[in-house]
Amino acid sequence: MQGAMTNDTKSPSTSDPTNEFADVNKSTPFIGRPQSGKTQARSSADTDPYLEAAKLIRRVRSLRVDAMPPHLFGEASWDILLSLYIAHREQYRLTIMSVCNEAGVPLTTALRWLQQLVDEGLAIRRSNPLDRRTVHVELSADAIATMDQLMENVLKYNTSL
């Protein structure tokens, strides 16, 4: 997956997914979490099954940490991928610090894993056009497709959603 390209349009100088300071894709309606802290309410007909599957996985992961010692579960990269995927499906962007908070991962661990995800072509760092001191992180197009397929497989095996 190294060198994966996103399918959004960018100028030639920003087409490299590992470019930490590429321009933010203007088509995304939110920069940061929506003001209410949650996405707008959807009718039951508009429910996003992939989003619901990802949230269920995150809830189950949280429940296991509540039931057993947290040091037994160390999958920071998966927690980061889930957080980035949920942000993508809910159409908001995460800063590096927001990724830490949403994934429940310490900053140094998140930085190390985010770099690994960028190196693998799974995540992209983009500078914030409103505040150049912050960087947004998002999934690459290949990672989104992979996560969509994974959620499709989860839905096939979980008829309760």
C-alpha atoms as a PDB file:
ATOM      1  CA  MET A   1       0.000   0.000   0.000  1.00  0.00           C
ATOM      2  CA  GLN A   2       2.967   2.302   0.083  1.00  0.00           C
ATOM      3  CA  GLY A   3       2.618   5.330  -2.136  1.00  0.00           C
ATOM      4  CA  ALA A   4      -1.177   5.056  -2.214  1.00  0.00           C
ATOM      5  CA  MET A   5      -2.819   8.020  -3.865  1.00  0.00           C
ATOM      6  CA  THR A   6      -6.074   9.607  -2.821  1.00  0.00           C
ATOM      7  CA  ASN A   7      -8.741  10.055  -5.447  1.00  0.00           C
ATOM      8  CA  ASP A   8      -9.485  13.662  -4.643  1.00  0.00           C
ATOM      9  CA  THR A   9      -8.093  16.380  -6.904  1.00  0.00           C
ATOM     10  CA  LYS A  10      -4.981  18.214  -5.777  1.00  0.00           C
ATOM     11  CA  SER A  11      -2.346  20.331  -7.378  1.00  0.00           C
ATOM     12  CA  PRO A  12       0.790  18.424  -8.436  1.00  0.00           C
ATOM     13  CA  SER A  13       2.674  19.661  -5.372  1.00  0.00           C
ATOM     14  CA  THR A  14       0.103  18.114  -3.020  1.00  0.00           C
ATOM     15  CA  SER A  15      -0.532  14.779  -4.706  1.00  0.00           C
ATOM     16  CA  ASP A  16       1.971  12.970  -2.462  1.00  0.00           C
ATOM     17  CA  PRO A  17      -0.030  11.372   0.404  1.00  0.00           C
ATOM     18  CA  THR A  18       2.995  11.539   2.712  1.00  0.00           C
ATOM     19  CA  ASN A  19       3.230  15.314   2.353  1.00  0.00           C
ATOM     20  CA  GLU A  20       2.534  16.511   5.890  1.00  0.00           C
ATOM     21  CA  PHE A  21       1.544  19.970   4.759  1.00  0.00           C
ATOM     22  CA  ALA A  22      -0.695  19.276   1.770  1.00  0.00           C
ATOM     23  CA  ASP A  23      -3.750  21.487   1.325  1.00  0.00           C
ATOM     24  CA  VAL A  24      -6.942  20.393   3.029  1.00  0.00           C
ATOM     25  CA  ASN A  25      -9.509  18.854   0.711  1.00  0.00           C
ATOM     26  CA  LYS A  26     -12.098  21.613   0.332  1.00  0.00           C
ATOM     27  CA  SER A  27     -14.975  19.184  -0.276  1.00  0.00           C
ATOM     28  CA  THR A  28     -15.193  18.038   3.366  1.00  0.00           C
ATOM     29  CA  PRO A  29     -18.004  19.944   5.079  1.00  0.00           C
ATOM     30  CA  PHE A  30     -16.450  20.037   8.567  1.00  0.00           C
ATOM     31  CA  ILE A  31     -12.998  20.892   9.808  1.00  0.00           C
ATOM     32  CA  GLY A  32     -12.836  19.455  13.282  1.00  0.00           C
ATOM     33  CA  ARG A  33     -15.669  17.822  15.163  1.00  0.00           C
ATOM     34  CA  PRO A  34     -19.129  19.297  14.522  1.00  0.00           C
ATOM     35  CA  GLN A  35     -19.986  21.941  17.121  1.00  0.00           C
ATOM     36  CA  SER A  36     -22.523  19.814  18.961  1.00  0.00           C
ATOM     37  CA  GLY A  37     -19.881  17.131  19.480  1.00  0.00           C
ATOM     38  CA  LYS A  38     -22.071  14.724  17.524  1.00  0.00           C
ATOM     39  CA  THR A  39     -23.154  14.514  13.953  1.00  0.00           C
ATOM     40  CA  GLN A  40     -26.542  15.752  12.926  1.00  0.00           C
ATOM     41  CA  ALA A  41     -29.327  13.316  13.716  1.00  0.00           C
ATOM     42  CA  ARG A  42     -30.099  10.925  10.885  1.00  0.00           C
ATOM     43  CA  SER A  43     -33.404   9.281  10.245  1.00  0.00           C
ATOM     44  CA  SER A  44     -33.412   5.499  10.555  1.00  0.00           C
ATOM     45  CA  ALA A  45     -33.483   5.295   6.750  1.00  0.00           C
ATOM     46  CA  ASP A  46     -30.286   7.368   6.571  1.00  0.00           C
ATOM     47  CA  THR A  47     -28.293   5.331   9.106  1.00  0.00           C
ATOM     48  CA  ASP A  48     -24.800   4.556   7.873  1.00  0.00           C
ATOM     49  CA  PRO A  49     -24.287   0.832   8.580  1.00  0.00           C
ATOM     50  CA  TYR A  50     -20.501   1.079   8.217  1.00  0.00           C
ATOM     51  CA  LEU A  51     -20.399   3.907  10.755  1.00  0.00           C
ATOM     52  CA  GLU A  52     -22.603   1.934  13.132  1.00  0.00           C
ATOM     53  CA  ALA A  53     -20.365  -1.135  12.759  1.00  0.00           C
ATOM     54  CA  ALA A  54     -17.232   0.922  13.494  1.00  0.00           C
ATOM     55  CA  LYS A  55     -18.867   2.500  16.550  1.00  0.00           C
ATOM     56  CA  LEU A  56     -19.938  -0.931  17.780  1.00  0.00           C
ATOM     57  CA  ILE A  57     -16.379  -2.219  17.459  1.00  0.00           C
ATOM     58  CA  ARG A  58     -15.115   0.786  19.427  1.00  0.00           C
ATOM     59  CA  ARG A  59     -17.791   0.255  22.136  1.00  0.00           C
ATOM     60  CA  VAL A  60     -16.888  -3.425  22.459  1.00  0.00           C
ATOM     61  CA  ARG A  61     -13.210  -2.504  22.746  1.00  0.00           C
ATOM     62  CA  SER A  62     -14.103  -0.049  25.499  1.00  0.00           C
ATOM     63  CA  LEU A  63     -16.137  -2.685  27.345  1.00  0.00           C
ATOM     64  CA  ARG A  64     -13.259  -5.150  27.390  1.00  0.00           C
ATOM     65  CA  VAL A  65     -10.954  -2.515  28.915  1.00  0.00           C
ATOM     66  CA  ASP A  66     -13.602  -1.866  31.570  1.00  0.00           C
ATOM     67  CA  ALA A  67     -13.758  -5.584  32.366  1.00  0.00           C
ATOM     68  CA  MET A  68     -10.056  -6.444  32.371  1.00  0.00           C
ATOM     69  CA  PRO A  69      -6.774  -4.664  33.067  1.00  0.00           C
ATOM     70  CA  PRO A  70      -6.147  -2.154  30.253  1.00  0.00           C
ATOM     71  CA  HIS A  71      -2.467  -3.103  29.878  1.00  0.00           C
ATOM     72  CA  LEU A  72      -3.615  -6.415  28.358  1.00  0.00           C
ATOM     73  CA  PHE A  73      -4.910  -4.619  25.264  1.00  0.00           C
ATOM     74  CA  GLY A  74      -2.347  -2.711  23.236  1.00  0.00           C
ATOM     75  CA  GLU A  75      -3.599  -2.072  19.722  1.00  0.00           C
ATOM     76  CA  ALA A  76      -2.998   1.662  19.349  1.00  0.00           C
ATOM     77  CA  SER A  77      -2.842   1.524  15.556  1.00  0.00           C
ATOM     78  CA  TRP A  78      -6.263  -0.147  15.365  1.00  0.00           C
ATOM     79  CA  ASP A  79      -7.778   2.375  17.789  1.00  0.00           C
ATOM     80  CA  ILE A  80      -6.344   5.189  15.664  1.00  0.00           C
ATOM     81  CA  LEU A  81      -7.661   3.650  12.438  1.00  0.00           C
ATOM     82  CA  LEU A  82     -11.130   3.267  13.975  1.00  0.00           C
ATOM     83  CA  SER A  83     -11.130   6.888  15.163  1.00  0.00           C
ATOM     84  CA  LEU A  84     -10.026   8.168  11.755  1.00  0.00           C
ATOM     85  CA  TYR A  85     -12.616   5.996  10.033  1.00  0.00           C
ATOM     86  CA  ILE A  86     -15.437   7.206  12.273  1.00  0.00           C
ATOM     87  CA  ALA A  87     -14.342  10.811  11.668  1.00  0.00           C
ATOM     88  CA  HIS A  88     -14.396  10.143   7.920  1.00  0.00           C
ATOM     89  CA  ARG A  89     -17.877   8.605   8.019  1.00  0.00           C
ATOM     90  CA  GLU A  90     -19.178  11.444  10.226  1.00  0.00           C
ATOM     91  CA  GLN A  91     -17.446  14.007   7.991  1.00  0.00           C
ATOM     92  CA  TYR A  92     -15.162  15.797  10.416  1.00  0.00           C
ATOM     93  CA  ARG A  93     -11.408  16.090  10.629  1.00  0.00           C
ATOM     94  CA  LEU A  94      -9.140  15.218  13.509  1.00  0.00           C
ATOM     95  CA  THR A  95      -6.003  16.971  14.660  1.00  0.00           C
ATOM     96  CA  ILE A  96      -3.213  14.835  16.048  1.00  0.00           C
ATOM     97  CA  MET A  97      -4.321  15.711  19.583  1.00  0.00           C
ATOM     98  CA  SER A  98      -7.940  14.827  18.721  1.00  0.00           C
ATOM     99  CA  VAL A  99      -6.769  11.453  17.422  1.00  0.00           C
ATOM    100  CA  CYS A 100      -5.089  10.844  20.781  1.00  0.00           C
ATOM    101  CA  ASN A 101      -8.255  11.738  22.673  1.00  0.00           C
ATOM    102  CA  GLU A 102     -10.671   9.792  20.474  1.00  0.00           C
ATOM    103  CA  ALA A 103      -8.459   6.704  20.292  1.00  0.00           C
ATOM    104  CA  GLY A 104      -7.489   6.856  23.963  1.00  0.00           C
ATOM    105  CA  VAL A 105      -3.815   6.712  23.042  1.00  0.00           C
ATOM    106  CA  PRO A 106      -0.966   8.699  24.665  1.00  0.00           C
ATOM    107  CA  LEU A 107       0.552  11.412  22.452  1.00  0.00           C
ATOM    108  CA  THR A 108       3.967   9.786  21.978  1.00  0.00           C
ATOM    109  CA  THR A 109       2.346   6.458  21.079  1.00  0.00           C
ATOM    110  CA  ALA A 110      -0.061   8.162  18.681  1.00  0.00           C
ATOM    111  CA  LEU A 111       2.766  10.066  16.975  1.00  0.00           C
ATOM    112  CA  ARG A 112       4.758   6.874  16.483  1.00  0.00           C
ATOM    113  CA  TRP A 113       1.770   4.946  15.091  1.00  0.00           C
ATOM    114  CA  LEU A 114       0.536   7.835  12.949  1.00  0.00           C
ATOM    115  CA  GLN A 115       3.948   7.988  11.301  1.00  0.00           C
ATOM    116  CA  GLN A 116       3.773   4.236  10.664  1.00  0.00           C
ATOM    117  CA  LEU A 117       0.282   4.615   9.158  1.00  0.00           C
ATOM    118  CA  VAL A 118       1.525   7.465   6.936  1.00  0.00           C
ATOM    119  CA  ASP A 119       4.543   5.384   5.874  1.00  0.00           C
ATOM    120  CA  GLU A 120       2.215   2.476   4.991  1.00  0.00           C
ATOM    121  CA  GLY A 121      -0.014   4.770   2.918  1.00  0.00           C
ATOM    122  CA  LEU A 122      -2.973   4.363   5.278  1.00  0.00           C
ATOM    123  CA  ALA A 123      -3.086   7.894   6.707  1.00  0.00           C
ATOM    124  CA  ILE A 124      -2.407  11.385   5.404  1.00  0.00           C
ATOM    125  CA  ARG A 125      -1.341  14.465   7.329  1.00  0.00           C
ATOM    126  CA  ARG A 126      -2.600  17.820   6.076  1.00  0.00           C
ATOM    127  CA  SER A 127      -1.916  21.288   7.364  1.00  0.00           C
ATOM    128  CA  ASN A 128      -4.898  23.218   8.686  1.00  0.00           C
ATOM    129  CA  PRO A 129      -5.489  26.174   6.328  1.00  0.00           C
ATOM    130  CA  LEU A 130      -7.106  28.120   9.182  1.00  0.00           C
ATOM    131  CA  ASP A 131      -4.265  27.549  11.646  1.00  0.00           C
ATOM    132  CA  ARG A 132      -0.908  26.451  10.227  1.00  0.00           C
ATOM    133  CA  ARG A 133       0.211  25.391  13.714  1.00  0.00           C
ATOM    134  CA  THR A 134      -2.095  22.376  13.611  1.00  0.00           C
ATOM    135  CA  VAL A 135      -2.133  19.342  11.382  1.00  0.00           C
ATOM    136  CA  HIS A 136      -5.173  17.246  10.473  1.00  0.00           C
ATOM    137  CA  VAL A 137      -4.948  13.513  10.006  1.00  0.00           C
ATOM    138  CA  GLU A 138      -7.237  11.453   7.784  1.00  0.00           C
ATOM    139  CA  LEU A 139      -7.359   8.057   6.170  1.00  0.00           C
ATOM    140  CA  SER A 140      -6.064   7.593   2.635  1.00  0.00           C
ATOM    141  CA  ALA A 141      -8.484   6.497  -0.074  1.00  0.00           C
ATOM    142  CA  ASP A 142      -6.991   2.974   0.061  1.00  0.00           C
ATOM    143  CA  ALA A 143      -7.468   2.823   3.841  1.00  0.00           C
ATOM    144  CA  ILE A 144     -11.071   4.000   3.522  1.00  0.00           C
ATOM    145  CA  ALA A 145     -11.769   1.300   0.932  1.00  0.00           C
ATOM    146  CA  THR A 146     -10.151  -1.320   3.160  1.00  0.00           C
ATOM    147  CA  MET A 147     -12.083  -0.177   6.233  1.00  0.00           C
ATOM    148  CA  ASP A 148     -15.333  -0.116   4.200  1.00  0.00           C
ATOM    149  CA  GLN A 149     -14.695  -3.712   3.141  1.00  0.00           C
ATOM    150  CA  LEU A 150     -13.910  -4.704   6.711  1.00  0.00           C
ATOM    151  CA  MET A 151     -17.150  -3.098   7.956  1.00  0.00           C
ATOM    152  CA  GLU A 152     -19.038  -4.891   5.167  1.00  0.00           C
ATOM    153  CA  ASN A 153     -17.596  -8.175   6.435  1.00  0.00           C
ATOM    154  CA  VAL A 154     -18.490  -7.282  10.037  1.00  0.00           C
ATOM    155  CA  LEU A 155     -22.072  -6.581   8.938  1.00  0.00           C
ATOM    156  CA  LYS A 156     -22.283  -9.929   7.147  1.00  0.00           C
ATOM    157  CA  TYR A 157     -21.449 -11.706  10.395  1.00  0.00           C
ATOM    158  CA  ASN A 158     -23.455  -9.489  12.730  1.00  0.00           C
ATOM    159  CA  THR A 159     -27.129  -9.455  11.921  1.00  0.00           C
ATOM    160  CA  SER A 160     -27.955  -7.439  15.040  1.00  0.00           C
ATOM    161  CA  LEU A 161     -26.942  -4.147  13.383  1.00  0.00           C
END
